[in-house]
C-alpha atoms as a PDB file:
ATOM      1  CA  MET A   1     157.316 170.836  15.327  1.00  0.00           C
ATOM      2  CA  PHE A   2     154.288 172.396  13.636  1.00  0.00           C
ATOM      3  CA  PHE A   3     155.721 171.733  10.154  1.00  0.00           C
ATOM      4  CA  SER A   4     157.017 168.276  11.079  1.00  0.00           C
ATOM      5  CA  ALA A   5     153.440 167.128  11.646  1.00  0.00           C
ATOM      6  CA  PHE A   6     152.828 167.723   7.936  1.00  0.00           C
ATOM      7  CA  PHE A   7     156.164 166.628   6.444  1.00  0.00           C
ATOM      8  CA  ASP A   8     157.017 163.565   8.572  1.00  0.00           C
ATOM      9  CA  PRO A   9     156.227 160.303   6.764  1.00  0.00           C
ATOM     10  CA  PRO A  10     152.822 158.743   7.652  1.00  0.00           C
ATOM     11  CA  TRP A  11     154.368 155.753   9.481  1.00  0.00           C
ATOM     12  CA  ARG A  12     156.311 158.121  11.733  1.00  0.00           C
ATOM     13  CA  ARG A  13     153.144 159.992  12.624  1.00  0.00           C
ATOM     14  CA  CYS A  14     151.371 156.679  13.372  1.00  0.00           C
ATOM     15  CA  ASP A  15     154.149 155.663  15.789  1.00  0.00           C
ATOM     16  CA  ASP A  16     153.922 159.017  17.520  1.00  0.00           C
ATOM     17  CA  MET A  17     150.168 158.663  17.866  1.00  0.00           C
ATOM     18  CA  ARG A  18     150.503 155.211  19.409  1.00  0.00           C
ATOM     19  CA  VAL A  19     152.878 156.625  22.018  1.00  0.00           C
ATOM     20  CA  ILE A  20     150.514 159.516  22.726  1.00  0.00           C
ATOM     21  CA  VAL A  21     147.530 157.181  23.100  1.00  0.00           C
ATOM     22  CA  ARG A  22     149.515 154.937  25.443  1.00  0.00           C
ATOM     23  CA  LEU A  23     150.557 157.899  27.578  1.00  0.00           C
ATOM     24  CA  LEU A  24     147.009 159.217  27.683  1.00  0.00           C
ATOM     25  CA  LYS A  25     145.721 155.866  28.914  1.00  0.00           C
ATOM     26  CA  PHE A  26     148.017 156.094  31.931  1.00  0.00           C
ATOM     27  CA  ALA A  27     147.264 159.798  32.408  1.00  0.00           C
ATOM     28  CA  VAL A  28     143.528 159.169  32.767  1.00  0.00           C
ATOM     29  CA  MET A  29     143.825 156.245  35.175  1.00  0.00           C
ATOM     30  CA  PRO A  30     141.317 156.884  37.962  1.00  0.00           C
ATOM     31  CA  ARG A  31     142.460 157.540  41.503  1.00  0.00           C
ATOM     32  CA  ILE A  32     142.018 154.317  43.463  1.00  0.00           C
ATOM     33  CA  HIS A  33     141.774 154.258  47.261  1.00  0.00           C
ATOM     34  CA  LEU A  34     141.184 150.697  48.426  1.00  0.00           C
ATOM     35  CA  TYR A  35     140.334 149.122  51.776  1.00  0.00           C
ATOM     36  CA  ALA A  36     142.202 146.009  52.904  1.00  0.00           C
ATOM     37  CA  ASP A  37     141.055 144.231  56.054  1.00  0.00           C
ATOM     38  CA  SER A  38     144.526 143.089  57.053  1.00  0.00           C
ATOM     39  CA  GLU A  39     147.828 144.349  58.371  1.00  0.00           C
ATOM     40  CA  LEU A  40     149.657 146.388  55.743  1.00  0.00           C
ATOM     41  CA  PRO A  41     153.458 146.569  55.495  1.00  0.00           C
ATOM     42  CA  GLU A  42     155.258 149.904  55.517  1.00  0.00           C
ATOM     43  CA  SER A  43     156.940 148.962  52.248  1.00  0.00           C
ATOM     44  CA  GLY A  44     157.599 145.989  49.996  1.00  0.00           C
ATOM     45  CA  THR A  45     155.456 143.468  48.141  1.00  0.00           C
ATOM     46  CA  TYR A  46     151.928 142.861  49.402  1.00  0.00           C
ATOM     47  CA  LEU A  47     149.337 140.398  48.120  1.00  0.00           C
ATOM     48  CA  LEU A  48     145.874 141.909  48.372  1.00  0.00           C
ATOM     49  CA  PRO A  49     143.175 139.574  49.795  1.00  0.00           C
ATOM     50  CA  ARG A  50     140.880 137.939  47.254  1.00  0.00           C
ATOM     51  CA  GLU A  51     137.767 140.093  47.717  1.00  0.00           C
ATOM     52  CA  PRO A  52     139.460 143.487  47.238  1.00  0.00           C
ATOM     53  CA  SER A  53     141.627 141.924  44.510  1.00  0.00           C
ATOM     54  CA  HIS A  54     138.495 140.985  42.578  1.00  0.00           C
ATOM     55  CA  HIS A  55     137.153 144.506  43.032  1.00  0.00           C
ATOM     56  CA  LEU A  56     140.420 146.056  41.898  1.00  0.00           C
ATOM     57  CA  LEU A  57     141.000 143.813  38.888  1.00  0.00           C
ATOM     58  CA  LYS A  58     137.489 142.971  37.671  1.00  0.00           C
ATOM     59  CA  VAL A  59     135.324 145.895  38.773  1.00  0.00           C
ATOM     60  CA  LEU A  60     137.764 148.808  38.645  1.00  0.00           C
ATOM     61  CA  ARG A  61     139.709 147.097  35.825  1.00  0.00           C
ATOM     62  CA  ALA A  62     143.042 148.335  37.116  1.00  0.00           C
ATOM     63  CA  ARG A  63     146.003 147.735  34.823  1.00  0.00           C
ATOM     64  CA  LEU A  64     149.624 147.018  35.576  1.00  0.00           C
ATOM     65  CA  GLY A  65     151.315 150.207  36.645  1.00  0.00           C
ATOM     66  CA  GLN A  66     148.182 151.591  38.307  1.00  0.00           C
ATOM     67  CA  ASP A  67     149.020 153.876  41.216  1.00  0.00           C
ATOM     68  CA  LEU A  68     146.810 153.376  44.242  1.00  0.00           C
ATOM     69  CA  THR A  69     146.543 153.865  47.977  1.00  0.00           C
ATOM     70  CA  LEU A  70     145.567 151.227  50.520  1.00  0.00           C
ATOM     71  CA  PHE A  71     144.136 151.697  54.008  1.00  0.00           C
ATOM     72  CA  ASN A  72     142.877 149.403  56.750  1.00  0.00           C
ATOM     73  CA  GLY A  73     141.167 151.896  59.036  1.00  0.00           C
ATOM     74  CA  ASP A  74     144.071 152.836  61.309  1.00  0.00           C
ATOM     75  CA  GLY A  75     144.494 156.321  59.813  1.00  0.00           C
ATOM     76  CA  PHE A  76     147.545 155.470  57.711  1.00  0.00           C
ATOM     77  CA  VAL A  77     147.779 155.457  53.928  1.00  0.00           C
ATOM     78  CA  HIS A  78     149.989 153.003  52.034  1.00  0.00           C
ATOM     79  CA  ALA A  79     150.960 154.226  48.571  1.00  0.00           C
ATOM     80  CA  GLY A  80     151.785 151.610  45.992  1.00  0.00           C
ATOM     81  CA  ILE A  81     151.556 150.364  42.439  1.00  0.00           C
ATOM     82  CA  LEU A  82     149.937 147.301  40.885  1.00  0.00           C
ATOM     83  CA  THR A  83     152.760 145.062  39.651  1.00  0.00           C
ATOM     84  CA  GLY A  84     151.035 141.783  38.853  1.00  0.00           C
ATOM     85  CA  THR A  85     148.729 138.990  40.010  1.00  0.00           C
ATOM     86  CA  VAL A  86     149.403 135.793  41.932  1.00  0.00           C
ATOM     87  CA  ASP A  87     146.660 133.153  42.077  1.00  0.00           C
ATOM     88  CA  HIS A  88     143.967 135.764  41.325  1.00  0.00           C
ATOM     89  CA  ARG A  89     145.324 138.085  44.002  1.00  0.00           C
ATOM     90  CA  ALA A  90     146.655 141.525  43.129  1.00  0.00           C
ATOM     91  CA  GLU A  91     150.348 142.069  43.818  1.00  0.00           C
ATOM     92  CA  ILE A  92     151.041 145.569  45.126  1.00  0.00           C
ATOM     93  CA  GLN A  93     154.483 147.114  45.528  1.00  0.00           C
ATOM     94  CA  ILE A  94     154.100 149.456  48.492  1.00  0.00           C
ATOM     95  CA  SER A  95     156.542 152.355  48.412  1.00  0.00           C
ATOM     96  CA  GLN A  96     155.599 154.413  51.464  1.00  0.00           C
ATOM     97  CA  ARG A  97     153.330 154.676  54.493  1.00  0.00           C
ATOM     98  CA  PHE A  98     152.159 157.950  55.967  1.00  0.00           C
ATOM     99  CA  LEU A  99     149.560 159.215  58.433  1.00  0.00           C
ATOM    100  CA  ARG A 100     146.527 161.018  56.997  1.00  0.00           C
ATOM    101  CA  ASP A 101     143.922 161.566  59.660  1.00  0.00           C
ATOM    102  CA  THR A 102     140.615 162.278  57.920  1.00  0.00           C
ATOM    103  CA  ARG A 103     138.491 162.278  61.074  1.00  0.00           C
ATOM    104  CA  SER A 104     136.465 165.368  61.861  1.00  0.00           C
ATOM    105  CA  PRO A 105     137.314 167.352  65.011  1.00  0.00           C
ATOM    106  CA  LEU A 106     133.610 166.943  65.819  1.00  0.00           C
ATOM    107  CA  ALA A 107     132.779 163.302  66.560  1.00  0.00           C
ATOM    108  CA  ILE A 108     129.204 162.786  65.352  1.00  0.00           C
ATOM    109  CA  HIS A 109     127.314 159.688  66.479  1.00  0.00           C
ATOM    110  CA  LEU A 110     124.296 159.366  64.214  1.00  0.00           C
ATOM    111  CA  TRP A 111     121.170 157.566  65.363  1.00  0.00           C
ATOM    112  CA  LEU A 112     119.688 156.866  61.948  1.00  0.00           C
ATOM    113  CA  PRO A 113     116.084 155.625  61.713  1.00  0.00           C
ATOM    114  CA  LEU A 114     115.423 152.479  59.747  1.00  0.00           C
ATOM    115  CA  MET A 115     114.053 153.225  56.272  1.00  0.00           C
ATOM    116  CA  ARG A 116     113.145 151.319  53.159  1.00  0.00           C
ATOM    117  CA  GLY A 117     115.868 149.951  50.867  1.00  0.00           C
ATOM    118  CA  GLU A 118     117.613 152.580  48.794  1.00  0.00           C
ATOM    119  CA  ARG A 119     116.653 155.444  51.116  1.00  0.00           C
ATOM    120  CA  TRP A 120     118.536 153.885  53.991  1.00  0.00           C
ATOM    121  CA  ASP A 121     121.499 152.954  51.794  1.00  0.00           C
ATOM    122  CA  TRP A 122     121.743 156.502  50.459  1.00  0.00           C
ATOM    123  CA  SER A 123     121.587 158.106  53.912  1.00  0.00           C
ATOM    124  CA  LEU A 124     124.191 155.687  55.252  1.00  0.00           C
ATOM    125  CA  GLN A 125     126.524 156.322  52.316  1.00  0.00           C
ATOM    126  CA  LYS A 126     126.290 160.112  52.516  1.00  0.00           C
ATOM    127  CA  ALA A 127     126.645 160.189  56.297  1.00  0.00           C
ATOM    128  CA  VAL A 128     129.910 158.281  55.972  1.00  0.00           C
ATOM    129  CA  GLU A 129     131.151 160.573  53.201  1.00  0.00           C
ATOM    130  CA  LEU A 130     130.382 163.528  55.476  1.00  0.00           C
ATOM    131  CA  GLY A 131     132.483 162.080  58.269  1.00  0.00           C
ATOM    132  CA  VAL A 132     130.256 160.639  61.000  1.00  0.00           C
ATOM    133  CA  GLN A 133     132.056 158.443  63.512  1.00  0.00           C
ATOM    134  CA  THR A 134     129.370 155.850  64.307  1.00  0.00           C
ATOM    135  CA  ILE A 135     125.967 154.941  62.920  1.00  0.00           C
ATOM    136  CA  GLN A 136     123.355 153.427  65.209  1.00  0.00           C
ATOM    137  CA  PRO A 137     120.299 152.150  63.292  1.00  0.00           C
ATOM    138  CA  VAL A 138     117.171 152.702  65.407  1.00  0.00           C
ATOM    139  CA  ALA A 139     113.615 151.446  65.062  1.00  0.00           C
ATOM    140  CA  CYS A 140     111.047 154.164  65.818  1.00  0.00           C
ATOM    141  CA  GLN A 141     107.290 153.991  66.437  1.00  0.00           C
ATOM    142  CA  HIS A 142     106.314 155.532  63.093  1.00  0.00           C
ATOM    143  CA  ALA A 143     108.976 153.785  61.018  1.00  0.00           C
ATOM    144  CA  VAL A 144     107.927 151.843  57.928  1.00  0.00           C
ATOM    145  CA  VAL A 145     110.690 149.295  58.581  1.00  0.00           C
ATOM    146  CA  GLN A 146     110.449 147.506  61.905  1.00  0.00           C
ATOM    147  CA  LEU A 147     113.255 146.031  63.933  1.00  0.00           C
ATOM    148  CA  GLY A 148     112.642 142.417  62.980  1.00  0.00           C
ATOM    149  CA  GLU A 149     113.085 143.215  59.281  1.00  0.00           C
ATOM    150  CA  ALA A 150     116.452 144.887  59.808  1.00  0.00           C
ATOM    151  CA  ARG A 151     118.184 142.339  61.999  1.00  0.00           C
ATOM    152  CA  GLY A 152     120.518 139.701  60.619  1.00  0.00           C
ATOM    153  CA  GLU A 153     124.177 139.191  59.819  1.00  0.00           C
ATOM    154  CA  LYS A 154     123.639 139.577  56.065  1.00  0.00           C
ATOM    155  CA  ARG A 155     121.979 142.964  56.516  1.00  0.00           C
ATOM    156  CA  LEU A 156     124.748 144.191  58.802  1.00  0.00           C
ATOM    157  CA  LYS A 157     127.398 142.928  56.373  1.00  0.00           C
ATOM    158  CA  ARG A 158     125.711 144.798  53.517  1.00  0.00           C
ATOM    159  CA  TRP A 159     125.677 147.996  55.550  1.00  0.00           C
ATOM    160  CA  GLN A 160     129.361 147.615  56.389  1.00  0.00           C
ATOM    161  CA  ASP A 161     130.129 147.113  52.676  1.00  0.00           C
ATOM    162  CA  ILE A 162     128.333 150.388  51.918  1.00  0.00           C
ATOM    163  CA  VAL A 163     130.399 152.113  54.606  1.00  0.00           C
ATOM    164  CA  ILE A 164     133.678 150.783  53.199  1.00  0.00           C
ATOM    165  CA  ALA A 165     132.738 151.790  49.641  1.00  0.00           C
ATOM    166  CA  ALA A 166     131.917 155.299  50.885  1.00  0.00           C
ATOM    167  CA  CYS A 167     135.295 155.483  52.638  1.00  0.00           C
ATOM    168  CA  GLU A 168     137.060 154.409  49.451  1.00  0.00           C
ATOM    169  CA  GLN A 169     135.189 156.992  47.402  1.00  0.00           C
ATOM    170  CA  SER A 170     135.779 159.851  49.853  1.00  0.00           C
ATOM    171  CA  GLY A 171     139.417 159.088  50.642  1.00  0.00           C
ATOM    172  CA  ALA A 172     138.748 158.391  54.319  1.00  0.00           C
ATOM    173  CA  THR A 173     141.392 156.515  56.293  1.00  0.00           C
ATOM    174  CA  THR A 174     139.237 155.392  59.224  1.00  0.00           C
ATOM    175  CA  VAL A 175     136.067 153.316  58.966  1.00  0.00           C
ATOM    176  CA  PRO A 176     132.935 154.319  60.904  1.00  0.00           C
ATOM    177  CA  SER A 177     131.167 151.609  62.878  1.00  0.00           C
ATOM    178  CA  VAL A 178     127.662 150.467  61.969  1.00  0.00           C
ATOM    179  CA  LEU A 179     126.116 149.010  65.111  1.00  0.00           C
ATOM    180  CA  PRO A 180     123.390 146.339  65.199  1.00  0.00           C
ATOM    181  CA  PRO A 181     119.903 147.883  64.972  1.00  0.00           C
ATOM    182  CA  VAL A 182     117.971 148.411  68.199  1.00  0.00           C
ATOM    183  CA  ALA A 183     114.696 149.929  69.306  1.00  0.00           C
ATOM    184  CA  LEU A 184     114.944 153.625  70.097  1.00  0.00           C
ATOM    185  CA  ASP A 185     113.780 153.128  73.682  1.00  0.00           C
ATOM    186  CA  GLU A 186     116.791 150.861  74.315  1.00  0.00           C
ATOM    187  CA  VAL A 187     119.447 153.273  73.103  1.00  0.00           C
ATOM    188  CA  TRP A 188     118.943 156.384  75.247  1.00  0.00           C
ATOM    189  CA  PRO A 189     121.711 155.501  77.770  1.00  0.00           C
ATOM    190  CA  ARG A 190     124.225 155.267  74.906  1.00  0.00           C
ATOM    191  CA  ARG A 191     124.199 158.980  74.132  1.00  0.00           C
ATOM    192  CA  ARG A 192     127.698 160.383  73.781  1.00  0.00           C
ATOM    193  CA  GLY A 193     128.378 164.071  74.241  1.00  0.00           C
ATOM    194  CA  ALA A 194     125.668 166.630  73.568  1.00  0.00           C
ATOM    195  CA  GLY A 195     122.337 165.356  72.242  1.00  0.00           C
ATOM    196  CA  LEU A 196     120.419 166.871  69.335  1.00  0.00           C
ATOM    197  CA  VAL A 197     117.087 165.670  67.951  1.00  0.00           C
ATOM    198  CA  LEU A 198     115.676 166.959  64.670  1.00  0.00           C
ATOM    199  CA  ASP A 199     112.154 168.353  65.014  1.00  0.00           C
ATOM    200  CA  PRO A 200     110.715 170.747  62.395  1.00  0.00           C
ATOM    201  CA  GLY A 201     108.525 172.601  64.886  1.00  0.00           C
ATOM    202  CA  PRO A 202     108.768 176.379  64.293  1.00  0.00           C
ATOM    203  CA  GLU A 203     109.342 177.008  68.014  1.00  0.00           C
ATOM    204  CA  ASN A 204     112.647 175.109  67.900  1.00  0.00           C
ATOM    205  CA  PRO A 205     115.941 176.951  67.280  1.00  0.00           C
ATOM    206  CA  LEU A 206     117.850 176.669  64.045  1.00  0.00           C
ATOM    207  CA  MET A 207     121.038 174.664  64.219  1.00  0.00           C
ATOM    208  CA  ARG A 208     123.148 177.751  63.507  1.00  0.00           C
ATOM    209  CA  ASP A 209     121.777 179.401  66.674  1.00  0.00           C
ATOM    210  CA  LEU A 210     122.985 176.651  69.012  1.00  0.00           C
ATOM    211  CA  LEU A 211     125.908 176.986  71.369  1.00  0.00           C
ATOM    212  CA  HIS A 212     129.073 175.099  70.458  1.00  0.00           C
ATOM    213  CA  PRO A 213     128.374 171.432  71.297  1.00  0.00           C
ATOM    214  CA  GLY A 214     131.978 170.576  72.168  1.00  0.00           C
ATOM    215  CA  THR A 215     133.957 167.841  70.462  1.00  0.00           C
ATOM    216  CA  GLU A 216     131.331 165.084  70.497  1.00  0.00           C
ATOM    217  CA  LEU A 217     127.585 164.829  69.988  1.00  0.00           C
ATOM    218  CA  THR A 218     124.777 162.389  69.261  1.00  0.00           C
ATOM    219  CA  LEU A 219     122.287 163.272  66.527  1.00  0.00           C
ATOM    220  CA  LEU A 220     118.830 161.673  66.324  1.00  0.00           C
ATOM    221  CA  SER A 221     116.745 161.991  63.174  1.00  0.00           C
ATOM    222  CA  GLY A 222     113.209 160.741  62.639  1.00  0.00           C
ATOM    223  CA  PRO A 223     111.793 158.114  60.233  1.00  0.00           C
ATOM    224  CA  GLU A 224     109.350 158.582  57.336  1.00  0.00           C
ATOM    225  CA  GLY A 225     106.453 159.127  59.732  1.00  0.00           C
ATOM    226  CA  GLY A 226     108.444 161.386  62.022  1.00  0.00           C
ATOM    227  CA  LEU A 227     109.225 160.893  65.697  1.00  0.00           C
ATOM    228  CA  SER A 228     106.178 160.410  67.882  1.00  0.00           C
ATOM    229  CA  VAL A 229     105.155 162.868  70.595  1.00  0.00           C
ATOM    230  CA  GLN A 230     106.199 160.290  73.167  1.00  0.00           C
ATOM    231  CA  GLU A 231     109.628 159.775  71.573  1.00  0.00           C
ATOM    232  CA  LEU A 232     110.253 163.522  71.446  1.00  0.00           C
ATOM    233  CA  ALA A 233     109.241 163.827  75.091  1.00  0.00           C
ATOM    234  CA  VAL A 234     111.628 161.063  76.114  1.00  0.00           C
ATOM    235  CA  ALA A 235     114.389 162.656  74.031  1.00  0.00           C
ATOM    236  CA  SER A 236     113.944 165.933  75.898  1.00  0.00           C
ATOM    237  CA  ALA A 237     113.925 164.113  79.236  1.00  0.00           C
ATOM    238  CA  GLU A 238     117.159 162.361  78.247  1.00  0.00           C
ATOM    239  CA  GLY A 239     118.898 165.686  77.578  1.00  0.00           C
ATOM    240  CA  PHE A 240     118.426 165.970  73.814  1.00  0.00           C
ATOM    241  CA  GLN A 241     117.835 169.469  72.495  1.00  0.00           C
ATOM    242  CA  LYS A 242     115.260 169.914  69.749  1.00  0.00           C
ATOM    243  CA  VAL A 243     116.553 171.664  66.660  1.00  0.00           C
ATOM    244  CA  ARG A 244     115.143 172.417  63.215  1.00  0.00           C
ATOM    245  CA  MET A 245     116.828 172.708  59.836  1.00  0.00           C
ATOM    246  CA  GLY A 246     114.693 175.515  58.411  1.00  0.00           C
ATOM    247  CA  PRO A 247     111.143 176.398  57.342  1.00  0.00           C
ATOM    248  CA  ARG A 248     110.697 173.290  55.185  1.00  0.00           C
ATOM    249  CA  ILE A 249     110.124 169.690  56.267  1.00  0.00           C
ATOM    250  CA  LEU A 250     112.758 167.353  54.843  1.00  0.00           C
ATOM    251  CA  ARG A 251     112.345 163.728  53.898  1.00  0.00           C
ATOM    252  CA  ALA A 252     113.734 161.227  56.383  1.00  0.00           C
ATOM    253  CA  GLU A 253     116.704 160.296  54.171  1.00  0.00           C
ATOM    254  CA  THR A 254     117.507 163.963  53.531  1.00  0.00           C
ATOM    255  CA  ALA A 255     117.164 165.351  57.050  1.00  0.00           C
ATOM    256  CA  ALA A 256     119.942 163.355  58.698  1.00  0.00           C
ATOM    257  CA  VAL A 257     122.396 163.982  55.861  1.00  0.00           C
ATOM    258  CA  ALA A 258     121.630 167.713  55.733  1.00  0.00           C
ATOM    259  CA  ALA A 259     122.027 167.985  59.509  1.00  0.00           C
ATOM    260  CA  VAL A 260     125.413 166.265  59.449  1.00  0.00           C
ATOM    261  CA  ALA A 261     126.572 168.600  56.668  1.00  0.00           C
ATOM    262  CA  VAL A 262     125.517 171.663  58.680  1.00  0.00           C
ATOM    263  CA  LEU A 263     127.188 170.363  61.847  1.00  0.00           C
ATOM    264  CA  GLN A 264     130.424 169.759  59.983  1.00  0.00           C
ATOM    265  CA  ALA A 265     130.296 173.229  58.429  1.00  0.00           C
ATOM    266  CA  LEU A 266     129.650 174.911  61.769  1.00  0.00           C
ATOM    267  CA  TRP A 267     131.861 172.998  64.186  1.00  0.00           C
ATOM    268  CA  GLY A 268     133.607 170.177  62.343  1.00  0.00           C
ATOM    269  CA  ASP A 269     135.443 170.071  59.028  1.00  0.00           C
ATOM    270  CA  GLY A 270     134.453 173.639  58.173  1.00  0.00           C
END
């Protein structure tokens, strides 16, 4: 084979290179995990709805023969292949359906403070990638973004799109809920499981020193200006335990994400 590369005629080598290039194109096809907001068949031909079809064909630029997995949030994965298009909708040949539960054994309900633009988007995205179960946006006293600015169907739809994209990227098979934003003083009765509130005070225990919280907890993180003295007092009265991440004070968008990662390492996915 080594000598044939030198003694084969040039046109033969060109044909071989075309085959190699074609094979390499298929070999480097990216893994695609796509959300479809509809009922998915166990097998057979499935026409993807228009919005995910546009994403698959125009944004991801999937080609015929592309292997992919579909999910609709029920915990099942549908493996298939792109076989064509019909009226701008992707035609998928589904070959199998199997259960792949990606939920953490620790159900984390994150009360995430409203923040400006990209900071909020980033925290939301990373929290989903790390496996939180629900996200409750909360307006706090020292927040830069107030409740009136965050309300609206368009804003909620944008947040849900970020959640779905994070699920697609991370291979999740269930979709966390993003609830409508509320003022912090309205949400205290909605605590689920143990309650933790991030507070960098040096008198507070580190997260690693806490007792096992069980299978479910609610985590509250503060906004850019931090939680007020009054909010921290109410949190304690409502059964939330203060906890710190370490000797350094983290930015609002970092603190919640870091806390979720530590919780997962201690009592969840880890």
